[in-house]
Amino acid sequence: MKRTLNIFIALLVVDLLVGGAFWFGYSAINAKKDKETELRKELADEVKKVAQQAALRRALKQAEKERGALEKYFYDPGEESQIDFVSQIEGLGTPVSGVIVETGSLSLTTGGAPSFYGEISFKGKWEETYHFLRLLETFPARLIIRRFTAQSLGGSDTVALWSGSASVDLTSLKGN
């Protein structure tokens, strides 16, 4: 009987050791699974961040392209920009529409909405004068035509010259 009791105690100790080993293994595996789940979540977050950064990079590149395209519609209130504006308006004349264009005055007006105010005079055939007016209306910057007058200088119907003037405000100025 003593021998049976010793075998029983030995089996109980072995059973406790094996149970402890199983419990330790289960706990270790469970901890590793928790760590794996956490790492997978972090990895998914990183993948999401990379995708967001790629989308932001694409949006930034697109915005830079659009900014470059829109930048040409805005003028700096400085003298260099005023000279560029005058040359662009006068460039709508002889080389493009055939009208002779002269800038009478150009000034920077300040206030609520700063702008360039200009007086432009022109001379040409009716078709050229009309084409010049259409070019002013479709000027890429924010150009407001305050006054546009034209009168015939006489001549035959096919070669009649027209002379006139226009008052314009360029309101697409960059802020300081």
N, C-alpha and C. Protein backbone atom coordinates (compact mmCIF):
# COMPACT_ATOMS: atom_id res chain seq x y z
N MET A 1 0.80 -1.16 0.00
CA MET A 1 0.00 0.00 0.00
C MET A 1 0.86 1.24 0.00
N LYS A 2 1.94 1.15 0.72
CA LYS A 2 2.84 2.26 0.76
C LYS A 2 3.39 2.52 -0.62
N ARG A 3 3.63 1.47 -1.32
CA ARG A 3 4.15 1.63 -2.66
C ARG A 3 3.11 2.30 -3.54
N THR A 4 1.86 1.96 -3.42
CA THR A 4 0.79 2.57 -4.20
C THR A 4 0.67 4.04 -3.85
N LEU A 5 0.80 4.33 -2.57
CA LEU A 5 0.73 5.72 -2.14
C LEU A 5 1.90 6.51 -2.70
N ASN A 6 3.09 5.95 -2.71
CA ASN A 6 4.27 6.63 -3.29
C ASN A 6 4.08 6.84 -4.80
N ILE A 7 3.54 5.85 -5.48
CA ILE A 7 3.29 5.98 -6.92
C ILE A 7 2.23 7.07 -7.13
N PHE A 8 1.21 7.06 -6.27
CA PHE A 8 0.17 8.06 -6.40
C PHE A 8 0.72 9.46 -6.17
N ILE A 9 1.55 9.64 -5.17
CA ILE A 9 2.16 10.95 -4.89
C ILE A 9 3.09 11.34 -6.03
N ALA A 10 3.85 10.39 -6.52
CA ALA A 10 4.76 10.68 -7.64
C ALA A 10 3.96 11.08 -8.86
N LEU A 11 2.87 10.37 -9.15
CA LEU A 11 2.02 10.73 -10.29
C LEU A 11 1.37 12.09 -10.08
N LEU A 12 0.98 12.40 -8.84
CA LEU A 12 0.39 13.69 -8.54
C LEU A 12 1.41 14.81 -8.77
N VAL A 13 2.64 14.61 -8.34
CA VAL A 13 3.71 15.60 -8.55
C VAL A 13 3.97 15.76 -10.04
N VAL A 14 4.08 14.64 -10.76
CA VAL A 14 4.29 14.70 -12.21
C VAL A 14 3.11 15.39 -12.88
N ASP A 15 1.90 15.08 -12.42
CA ASP A 15 0.70 15.70 -12.97
C ASP A 15 0.73 17.20 -12.72
N LEU A 16 1.11 17.64 -11.53
CA LEU A 16 1.22 19.07 -11.23
C LEU A 16 2.29 19.73 -12.08
N LEU A 17 3.42 19.05 -12.25
CA LEU A 17 4.50 19.60 -13.07
C LEU A 17 4.05 19.73 -14.53
N VAL A 18 3.41 18.70 -15.05
CA VAL A 18 2.92 18.74 -16.44
C VAL A 18 1.84 19.80 -16.58
N GLY A 19 0.93 19.90 -15.61
CA GLY A 19 -0.12 20.95 -15.62
C GLY A 19 0.51 22.33 -15.58
N GLY A 20 1.54 22.49 -14.72
CA GLY A 20 2.24 23.78 -14.65
C GLY A 20 2.93 24.10 -15.96
N ALA A 21 3.53 23.08 -16.57
CA ALA A 21 4.20 23.30 -17.86
C ALA A 21 3.18 23.68 -18.92
N PHE A 22 2.03 22.99 -18.93
CA PHE A 22 0.98 23.36 -19.89
C PHE A 22 0.48 24.77 -19.63
N TRP A 23 0.26 25.13 -18.37
CA TRP A 23 -0.21 26.47 -18.05
C TRP A 23 0.82 27.51 -18.49
N PHE A 24 2.11 27.27 -18.20
CA PHE A 24 3.17 28.18 -18.60
C PHE A 24 3.22 28.30 -20.13
N GLY A 25 3.11 27.17 -20.83
CA GLY A 25 3.13 27.20 -22.31
C GLY A 25 1.93 27.96 -22.86
N TYR A 26 0.76 27.70 -22.27
CA TYR A 26 -0.45 28.40 -22.71
C TYR A 26 -0.32 29.90 -22.48
N SER A 27 0.18 30.28 -21.30
CA SER A 27 0.37 31.70 -20.97
C SER A 27 1.38 32.33 -21.92
N ALA A 28 2.47 31.64 -22.20
CA ALA A 28 3.49 32.17 -23.11
C ALA A 28 2.92 32.33 -24.51
N ILE A 29 2.19 31.34 -24.98
CA ILE A 29 1.60 31.41 -26.33
C ILE A 29 0.56 32.52 -26.37
N ASN A 30 -0.25 32.65 -25.33
CA ASN A 30 -1.27 33.70 -25.28
C ASN A 30 -0.60 35.08 -25.29
N ALA A 31 0.51 35.23 -24.54
CA ALA A 31 1.24 36.50 -24.53
C ALA A 31 1.81 36.80 -25.92
N LYS A 32 2.34 35.77 -26.58
CA LYS A 32 2.87 35.95 -27.94
C LYS A 32 1.75 36.32 -28.91
N LYS A 33 0.57 35.70 -28.76
CA LYS A 33 -0.57 36.03 -29.62
C LYS A 33 -1.00 37.48 -29.39
N ASP A 34 -1.03 37.91 -28.13
CA ASP A 34 -1.38 39.30 -27.84
C ASP A 34 -0.36 40.25 -28.47
N LYS A 35 0.91 39.89 -28.34
CA LYS A 35 1.98 40.70 -28.94
C LYS A 35 1.83 40.73 -30.46
N GLU A 36 1.51 39.57 -31.06
CA GLU A 36 1.31 39.48 -32.51
C GLU A 36 0.14 40.36 -32.94
N THR A 37 -0.97 40.30 -32.18
CA THR A 37 -2.14 41.13 -32.49
C THR A 37 -1.78 42.61 -32.42
N GLU A 38 -1.04 42.98 -31.40
CA GLU A 38 -0.62 44.37 -31.25
C GLU A 38 0.29 44.80 -32.40
N LEU A 39 1.23 43.93 -32.76
CA LEU A 39 2.14 44.24 -33.87
C LEU A 39 1.39 44.33 -35.20
N ARG A 40 0.42 43.45 -35.40
CA ARG A 40 -0.39 43.51 -36.63
C ARG A 40 -1.18 44.82 -36.69
N LYS A 41 -1.71 45.24 -35.54
CA LYS A 41 -2.44 46.50 -35.49
C LYS A 41 -1.51 47.66 -35.81
N GLU A 42 -0.31 47.67 -35.22
CA GLU A 42 0.67 48.72 -35.50
C GLU A 42 1.06 48.71 -36.97
N LEU A 43 1.24 47.51 -37.52
CA LEU A 43 1.58 47.39 -38.93
C LEU A 43 0.46 47.93 -39.81
N ALA A 44 -0.77 47.61 -39.47
CA ALA A 44 -1.91 48.13 -40.23
C ALA A 44 -1.98 49.65 -40.13
N ASP A 45 -1.70 50.19 -38.93
CA ASP A 45 -1.67 51.64 -38.75
C ASP A 45 -0.57 52.27 -39.60
N GLU A 46 0.59 51.63 -39.64
CA GLU A 46 1.69 52.15 -40.45
C GLU A 46 1.35 52.11 -41.94
N VAL A 47 0.71 51.03 -42.37
CA VAL A 47 0.30 50.93 -43.78
C VAL A 47 -0.70 52.02 -44.10
N LYS A 48 -1.62 52.28 -43.16
CA LYS A 48 -2.61 53.34 -43.35
C LYS A 48 -1.92 54.70 -43.43
N LYS A 49 -0.92 54.93 -42.54
CA LYS A 49 -0.19 56.19 -42.55
C LYS A 49 0.57 56.37 -43.86
N VAL A 50 1.18 55.30 -44.35
CA VAL A 50 1.91 55.38 -45.63
C VAL A 50 0.95 55.72 -46.76
N ALA A 51 -0.23 55.10 -46.75
CA ALA A 51 -1.23 55.40 -47.78
C ALA A 51 -1.68 56.85 -47.68
N GLN A 52 -1.89 57.34 -46.46
CA GLN A 52 -2.28 58.73 -46.26
C GLN A 52 -1.18 59.68 -46.71
N GLN A 53 0.07 59.34 -46.40
CA GLN A 53 1.18 60.19 -46.82
C GLN A 53 1.29 60.21 -48.34
N ALA A 54 1.08 59.07 -48.97
CA ALA A 54 1.12 59.03 -50.43
C ALA A 54 0.00 59.88 -51.01
N ALA A 55 -1.19 59.79 -50.42
CA ALA A 55 -2.31 60.62 -50.89
C ALA A 55 -2.02 62.10 -50.67
N LEU A 56 -1.42 62.42 -49.52
CA LEU A 56 -1.06 63.82 -49.25
C LEU A 56 0.01 64.31 -50.21
N ARG A 57 0.99 63.44 -50.52
CA ARG A 57 2.02 63.84 -51.49
C ARG A 57 1.39 64.13 -52.85
N ARG A 58 0.46 63.25 -53.27
CA ARG A 58 -0.21 63.47 -54.56
C ARG A 58 -1.01 64.76 -54.53
N ALA A 59 -1.72 65.00 -53.42
CA ALA A 59 -2.50 66.23 -53.30
C ALA A 59 -1.59 67.45 -53.29
N LEU A 60 -0.44 67.34 -52.63
CA LEU A 60 0.50 68.45 -52.59
C LEU A 60 1.07 68.74 -53.97
N LYS A 61 1.43 67.69 -54.70
CA LYS A 61 1.93 67.89 -56.07
C LYS A 61 0.86 68.53 -56.94
N GLN A 62 -0.37 68.07 -56.81
CA GLN A 62 -1.47 68.64 -57.57
C GLN A 62 -1.70 70.10 -57.20
N ALA A 63 -1.63 70.39 -55.89
CA ALA A 63 -1.81 71.77 -55.44
C ALA A 63 -0.68 72.67 -55.95
N GLU A 64 0.54 72.14 -55.99
CA GLU A 64 1.66 72.93 -56.51
C GLU A 64 1.47 73.21 -58.00
N LYS A 65 0.98 72.21 -58.74
CA LYS A 65 0.70 72.43 -60.16
C LYS A 65 -0.38 73.49 -60.34
N GLU A 66 -1.45 73.35 -59.54
CA GLU A 66 -2.55 74.32 -59.63
C GLU A 66 -2.10 75.71 -59.20
N ARG A 67 -1.26 75.76 -58.17
CA ARG A 67 -0.77 77.05 -57.73
C ARG A 67 0.06 77.71 -58.83
N GLY A 68 0.89 76.91 -59.48
CA GLY A 68 1.69 77.44 -60.58
C GLY A 68 0.80 77.96 -61.71
N ALA A 69 -0.28 77.22 -61.98
CA ALA A 69 -1.20 77.65 -63.03
C ALA A 69 -1.96 78.91 -62.62
N LEU A 70 -2.34 78.99 -61.35
CA LEU A 70 -3.10 80.15 -60.88
C LEU A 70 -2.22 81.37 -60.61
N GLU A 71 -0.95 81.13 -60.33
CA GLU A 71 -0.04 82.22 -59.98
C GLU A 71 0.04 83.28 -61.08
N LYS A 72 -0.09 82.86 -62.33
CA LYS A 72 0.03 83.82 -63.43
C LYS A 72 -1.16 84.77 -63.50
N TYR A 73 -2.24 84.46 -62.77
CA TYR A 73 -3.40 85.35 -62.78
C TYR A 73 -3.32 86.44 -61.72
N PHE A 74 -2.34 86.37 -60.84
CA PHE A 74 -2.22 87.35 -59.77
C PHE A 74 -0.98 88.21 -59.98
N TYR A 75 -1.12 89.45 -59.63
CA TYR A 75 -0.04 90.41 -59.81
C TYR A 75 0.40 90.95 -58.47
N ASP A 76 1.69 91.19 -58.37
CA ASP A 76 2.27 91.84 -57.21
C ASP A 76 2.06 93.35 -57.39
N PRO A 77 1.75 94.09 -56.34
CA PRO A 77 1.52 95.52 -56.53
C PRO A 77 2.78 96.32 -56.85
N GLY A 78 3.92 95.69 -56.98
CA GLY A 78 5.16 96.41 -57.25
C GLY A 78 5.26 96.94 -58.67
N GLU A 79 6.27 97.77 -58.91
CA GLU A 79 6.46 98.41 -60.21
C GLU A 79 6.70 97.40 -61.33
N GLU A 80 7.47 96.38 -61.03
CA GLU A 80 7.77 95.35 -62.03
C GLU A 80 6.49 94.70 -62.53
N SER A 81 5.58 94.42 -61.63
CA SER A 81 4.31 93.81 -61.99
C SER A 81 3.45 94.78 -62.79
N GLN A 82 3.50 96.05 -62.46
CA GLN A 82 2.75 97.05 -63.23
C GLN A 82 3.27 97.12 -64.66
N ILE A 83 4.58 97.06 -64.81
CA ILE A 83 5.17 97.08 -66.16
C ILE A 83 4.75 95.84 -66.93
N ASP A 84 4.77 94.69 -66.28
CA ASP A 84 4.31 93.46 -66.93
C ASP A 84 2.86 93.57 -67.37
N PHE A 85 2.02 94.14 -66.51
CA PHE A 85 0.60 94.29 -66.84
C PHE A 85 0.41 95.19 -68.05
N VAL A 86 1.10 96.33 -68.06
CA VAL A 86 0.99 97.26 -69.19
C VAL A 86 1.47 96.58 -70.47
N SER A 87 2.58 95.86 -70.40
CA SER A 87 3.08 95.20 -71.61
C SER A 87 2.12 94.10 -72.08
N GLN A 88 1.45 93.42 -71.15
CA GLN A 88 0.48 92.40 -71.56
C GLN A 88 -0.73 93.04 -72.22
N ILE A 89 -1.22 94.14 -71.68
CA ILE A 89 -2.38 94.82 -72.27
C ILE A 89 -2.00 95.37 -73.65
N GLU A 90 -0.84 96.01 -73.73
CA GLU A 90 -0.41 96.54 -75.03
C GLU A 90 -0.10 95.41 -76.00
N GLY A 91 0.30 94.25 -75.47
CA GLY A 91 0.54 93.09 -76.32
C GLY A 91 -0.73 92.52 -76.93
N LEU A 92 -1.88 92.84 -76.34
CA LEU A 92 -3.15 92.41 -76.94
C LEU A 92 -3.48 93.23 -78.18
N GLY A 93 -2.73 94.29 -78.40
CA GLY A 93 -2.96 95.18 -79.54
C GLY A 93 -2.37 94.66 -80.82
N THR A 94 -1.41 95.38 -81.37
CA THR A 94 -0.87 95.14 -82.71
C THR A 94 -0.49 93.69 -82.99
N PRO A 95 0.29 93.01 -82.16
CA PRO A 95 0.66 91.65 -82.54
C PRO A 95 -0.51 90.66 -82.55
N VAL A 96 -1.55 90.91 -81.75
CA VAL A 96 -2.63 89.93 -81.63
C VAL A 96 -3.88 90.39 -82.38
N SER A 97 -4.40 91.57 -82.01
CA SER A 97 -5.67 92.01 -82.60
C SER A 97 -5.48 93.01 -83.74
N GLY A 98 -4.32 93.60 -83.86
CA GLY A 98 -4.07 94.58 -84.92
C GLY A 98 -4.36 96.01 -84.50
N VAL A 99 -4.88 96.24 -83.32
CA VAL A 99 -5.20 97.58 -82.82
C VAL A 99 -3.94 98.19 -82.24
N ILE A 100 -3.78 99.50 -82.44
CA ILE A 100 -2.67 100.22 -81.82
C ILE A 100 -3.14 100.62 -80.42
N VAL A 101 -2.44 100.14 -79.40
CA VAL A 101 -2.86 100.36 -78.01
C VAL A 101 -1.80 101.22 -77.32
N GLU A 102 -2.28 102.23 -76.59
CA GLU A 102 -1.40 103.07 -75.79
C GLU A 102 -1.99 103.17 -74.38
N THR A 103 -1.13 103.06 -73.39
CA THR A 103 -1.58 103.19 -72.01
C THR A 103 -1.43 104.64 -71.61
N GLY A 104 -2.56 105.26 -71.27
CA GLY A 104 -2.55 106.66 -70.86
C GLY A 104 -2.07 106.82 -69.43
N SER A 105 -2.56 105.99 -68.55
CA SER A 105 -2.15 106.06 -67.16
C SER A 105 -2.39 104.72 -66.50
N LEU A 106 -1.63 104.47 -65.45
CA LEU A 106 -1.80 103.28 -64.64
C LEU A 106 -1.41 103.65 -63.22
N SER A 107 -2.29 103.40 -62.29
CA SER A 107 -1.98 103.74 -60.90
C SER A 107 -2.47 102.63 -59.98
N LEU A 108 -1.81 102.54 -58.85
CA LEU A 108 -2.18 101.57 -57.83
C LEU A 108 -3.16 102.24 -56.88
N THR A 109 -4.34 101.66 -56.76
CA THR A 109 -5.32 102.20 -55.82
C THR A 109 -5.36 101.29 -54.61
N THR A 110 -5.40 101.89 -53.44
CA THR A 110 -5.43 101.11 -52.21
C THR A 110 -6.80 101.23 -51.59
N GLY A 111 -7.02 100.49 -50.56
CA GLY A 111 -8.32 100.52 -49.89
C GLY A 111 -8.75 99.11 -49.57
N GLY A 112 -10.08 98.90 -49.59
CA GLY A 112 -10.64 97.59 -49.28
C GLY A 112 -10.09 96.51 -50.19
N ALA A 113 -10.12 96.77 -51.50
CA ALA A 113 -9.60 95.82 -52.49
C ALA A 113 -8.58 96.56 -53.35
N PRO A 114 -7.29 96.39 -53.09
CA PRO A 114 -6.30 97.09 -53.89
C PRO A 114 -6.35 96.64 -55.35
N SER A 115 -6.09 97.59 -56.25
CA SER A 115 -6.15 97.27 -57.68
C SER A 115 -5.29 98.24 -58.47
N PHE A 116 -5.05 97.89 -59.73
CA PHE A 116 -4.44 98.81 -60.68
C PHE A 116 -5.60 99.47 -61.43
N TYR A 117 -5.55 100.78 -61.56
CA TYR A 117 -6.53 101.50 -62.37
C TYR A 117 -5.80 102.03 -63.58
N GLY A 118 -6.32 101.76 -64.77
CA GLY A 118 -5.64 102.19 -65.98
C GLY A 118 -6.56 102.79 -67.01
N GLU A 119 -6.01 103.71 -67.78
CA GLU A 119 -6.69 104.31 -68.92
C GLU A 119 -5.94 103.86 -70.17
N ILE A 120 -6.68 103.27 -71.11
CA ILE A 120 -6.08 102.71 -72.31
C ILE A 120 -6.76 103.36 -73.51
N SER A 121 -5.97 103.77 -74.50
CA SER A 121 -6.55 104.27 -75.74
C SER A 121 -6.14 103.33 -76.88
N PHE A 122 -6.97 103.25 -77.89
CA PHE A 122 -6.71 102.32 -79.00
C PHE A 122 -7.20 102.92 -80.30
N LYS A 123 -6.69 102.37 -81.41
CA LYS A 123 -7.07 102.83 -82.74
C LYS A 123 -6.91 101.66 -83.69
N GLY A 124 -7.94 101.43 -84.53
CA GLY A 124 -7.88 100.35 -85.50
C GLY A 124 -9.19 100.19 -86.24
N LYS A 125 -9.27 99.19 -87.10
CA LYS A 125 -10.51 98.89 -87.82
C LYS A 125 -11.52 98.34 -86.83
N TRP A 126 -12.80 98.33 -87.24
CA TRP A 126 -13.85 97.86 -86.34
C TRP A 126 -13.62 96.42 -85.91
N GLU A 127 -13.26 95.55 -86.84
CA GLU A 127 -13.04 94.14 -86.49
C GLU A 127 -11.91 94.01 -85.47
N GLU A 128 -10.86 94.79 -85.68
CA GLU A 128 -9.72 94.75 -84.76
C GLU A 128 -10.11 95.31 -83.38
N THR A 129 -10.90 96.39 -83.40
CA THR A 129 -11.35 96.99 -82.15
C THR A 129 -12.23 96.02 -81.37
N TYR A 130 -13.15 95.37 -82.08
CA TYR A 130 -14.02 94.40 -81.43
C TYR A 130 -13.21 93.22 -80.88
N HIS A 131 -12.22 92.77 -81.67
CA HIS A 131 -11.37 91.67 -81.22
C HIS A 131 -10.58 92.08 -79.96
N PHE A 132 -10.10 93.32 -79.93
CA PHE A 132 -9.39 93.82 -78.76
C PHE A 132 -10.30 93.83 -77.53
N LEU A 133 -11.56 94.27 -77.69
CA LEU A 133 -12.51 94.27 -76.58
C LEU A 133 -12.74 92.85 -76.08
N ARG A 134 -12.89 91.89 -76.98
CA ARG A 134 -13.09 90.49 -76.58
C ARG A 134 -11.87 89.97 -75.81
N LEU A 135 -10.66 90.36 -76.25
CA LEU A 135 -9.44 89.95 -75.54
C LEU A 135 -9.39 90.55 -74.14
N LEU A 136 -9.81 91.82 -74.02
CA LEU A 136 -9.86 92.43 -72.68
C LEU A 136 -10.85 91.69 -71.79
N GLU A 137 -12.00 91.30 -72.35
CA GLU A 137 -13.01 90.61 -71.56
C GLU A 137 -12.54 89.23 -71.11
N THR A 138 -11.68 88.61 -71.89
CA THR A 138 -11.20 87.27 -71.55
C THR A 138 -9.78 87.29 -71.00
N PHE A 139 -9.32 88.44 -70.56
CA PHE A 139 -7.99 88.55 -69.98
C PHE A 139 -7.91 87.61 -68.77
N PRO A 140 -6.83 86.84 -68.64
CA PRO A 140 -6.80 85.80 -67.60
C PRO A 140 -6.87 86.30 -66.16
N ALA A 141 -6.47 87.53 -65.90
CA ALA A 141 -6.55 88.05 -64.53
C ALA A 141 -7.92 88.68 -64.32
N ARG A 142 -8.19 89.07 -63.10
CA ARG A 142 -9.49 89.69 -62.76
C ARG A 142 -9.47 91.13 -63.21
N LEU A 143 -9.92 91.36 -64.45
CA LEU A 143 -9.91 92.68 -65.08
C LEU A 143 -11.35 93.17 -65.22
N ILE A 144 -11.64 94.34 -64.65
CA ILE A 144 -12.98 94.92 -64.73
C ILE A 144 -12.92 96.10 -65.69
N ILE A 145 -13.73 96.05 -66.72
CA ILE A 145 -13.79 97.14 -67.69
C ILE A 145 -14.84 98.12 -67.18
N ARG A 146 -14.38 99.28 -66.72
CA ARG A 146 -15.29 100.30 -66.16
C ARG A 146 -15.97 101.10 -67.28
N ARG A 147 -15.23 101.40 -68.32
CA ARG A 147 -15.76 102.22 -69.42
C ARG A 147 -15.07 101.78 -70.69
N PHE A 148 -15.83 101.69 -71.77
CA PHE A 148 -15.28 101.38 -73.09
C PHE A 148 -16.03 102.23 -74.09
N THR A 149 -15.30 103.11 -74.76
CA THR A 149 -15.93 103.96 -75.78
C THR A 149 -15.15 103.82 -77.07
N ALA A 150 -15.89 103.89 -78.18
CA ALA A 150 -15.26 103.84 -79.50
C ALA A 150 -16.08 104.71 -80.44
N GLN A 151 -15.39 105.47 -81.30
CA GLN A 151 -16.07 106.29 -82.30
C GLN A 151 -15.33 106.17 -83.62
N SER A 152 -16.11 106.29 -84.67
CA SER A 152 -15.55 106.16 -86.01
C SER A 152 -14.80 107.43 -86.37
N LEU A 153 -13.65 107.27 -87.00
CA LEU A 153 -12.87 108.42 -87.45
C LEU A 153 -13.19 108.75 -88.90
N GLY A 154 -14.11 107.99 -89.47
CA GLY A 154 -14.50 108.23 -90.86
C GLY A 154 -13.76 107.30 -91.80
N GLY A 155 -14.01 107.49 -93.07
CA GLY A 155 -13.42 106.64 -94.09
C GLY A 155 -14.50 105.78 -94.72
N SER A 156 -14.10 104.95 -95.65
CA SER A 156 -15.09 104.09 -96.31
C SER A 156 -15.54 102.98 -95.37
N ASP A 157 -16.63 102.32 -95.73
CA ASP A 157 -17.18 101.29 -94.85
C ASP A 157 -16.20 100.15 -94.61
N THR A 158 -15.37 99.81 -95.59
CA THR A 158 -14.46 98.68 -95.44
C THR A 158 -13.17 99.06 -94.72
N VAL A 159 -12.80 100.36 -94.79
CA VAL A 159 -11.54 100.77 -94.16
C VAL A 159 -11.74 101.83 -93.09
N ALA A 160 -12.91 101.92 -92.52
CA ALA A 160 -13.15 102.93 -91.49
C ALA A 160 -12.30 102.63 -90.26
N LEU A 161 -11.66 103.68 -89.76
CA LEU A 161 -10.87 103.55 -88.54
C LEU A 161 -11.72 103.96 -87.35
N TRP A 162 -11.48 103.28 -86.26
CA TRP A 162 -12.17 103.57 -85.02
C TRP A 162 -11.13 103.92 -83.96
N SER A 163 -11.51 104.85 -83.12
CA SER A 163 -10.64 105.26 -82.04
C SER A 163 -11.46 105.23 -80.76
N GLY A 164 -10.82 104.91 -79.67
CA GLY A 164 -11.57 104.86 -78.42
C GLY A 164 -10.67 104.75 -77.22
N SER A 165 -11.31 104.55 -76.08
CA SER A 165 -10.57 104.41 -74.83
C SER A 165 -11.32 103.45 -73.92
N ALA A 166 -10.60 102.98 -72.94
CA ALA A 166 -11.19 102.07 -71.95
C ALA A 166 -10.59 102.38 -70.59
N SER A 167 -11.41 102.28 -69.58
CA SER A 167 -10.95 102.38 -68.19
C SER A 167 -11.08 100.99 -67.58
N VAL A 168 -9.98 100.50 -67.02
CA VAL A 168 -9.99 99.15 -66.47
C VAL A 168 -9.43 99.14 -65.05
N ASP A 169 -9.89 98.17 -64.28
CA ASP A 169 -9.36 97.91 -62.93
C ASP A 169 -8.89 96.46 -62.91
N LEU A 170 -7.64 96.27 -62.52
CA LEU A 170 -7.12 94.92 -62.31
C LEU A 170 -7.18 94.65 -60.82
N THR A 171 -8.07 93.74 -60.42
CA THR A 171 -8.29 93.52 -58.99
C THR A 171 -7.64 92.25 -58.47
N SER A 172 -6.94 91.52 -59.31
CA SER A 172 -6.32 90.26 -58.83
C SER A 172 -4.89 90.52 -58.38
N LEU A 173 -4.77 91.31 -57.31
CA LEU A 173 -3.46 91.61 -56.75
C LEU A 173 -3.18 90.69 -55.57
N LYS A 174 -1.91 90.36 -55.41
CA LYS A 174 -1.50 89.53 -54.27
C LYS A 174 -1.55 90.37 -53.01
N GLY A 175 -1.96 89.77 -51.92
CA GLY A 175 -1.96 90.48 -50.64
C GLY A 175 -0.55 90.50 -50.06
N ASN A 176 -0.32 91.43 -49.15
CA ASN A 176 1.01 91.52 -48.52
C ASN A 176 1.17 90.53 -47.45
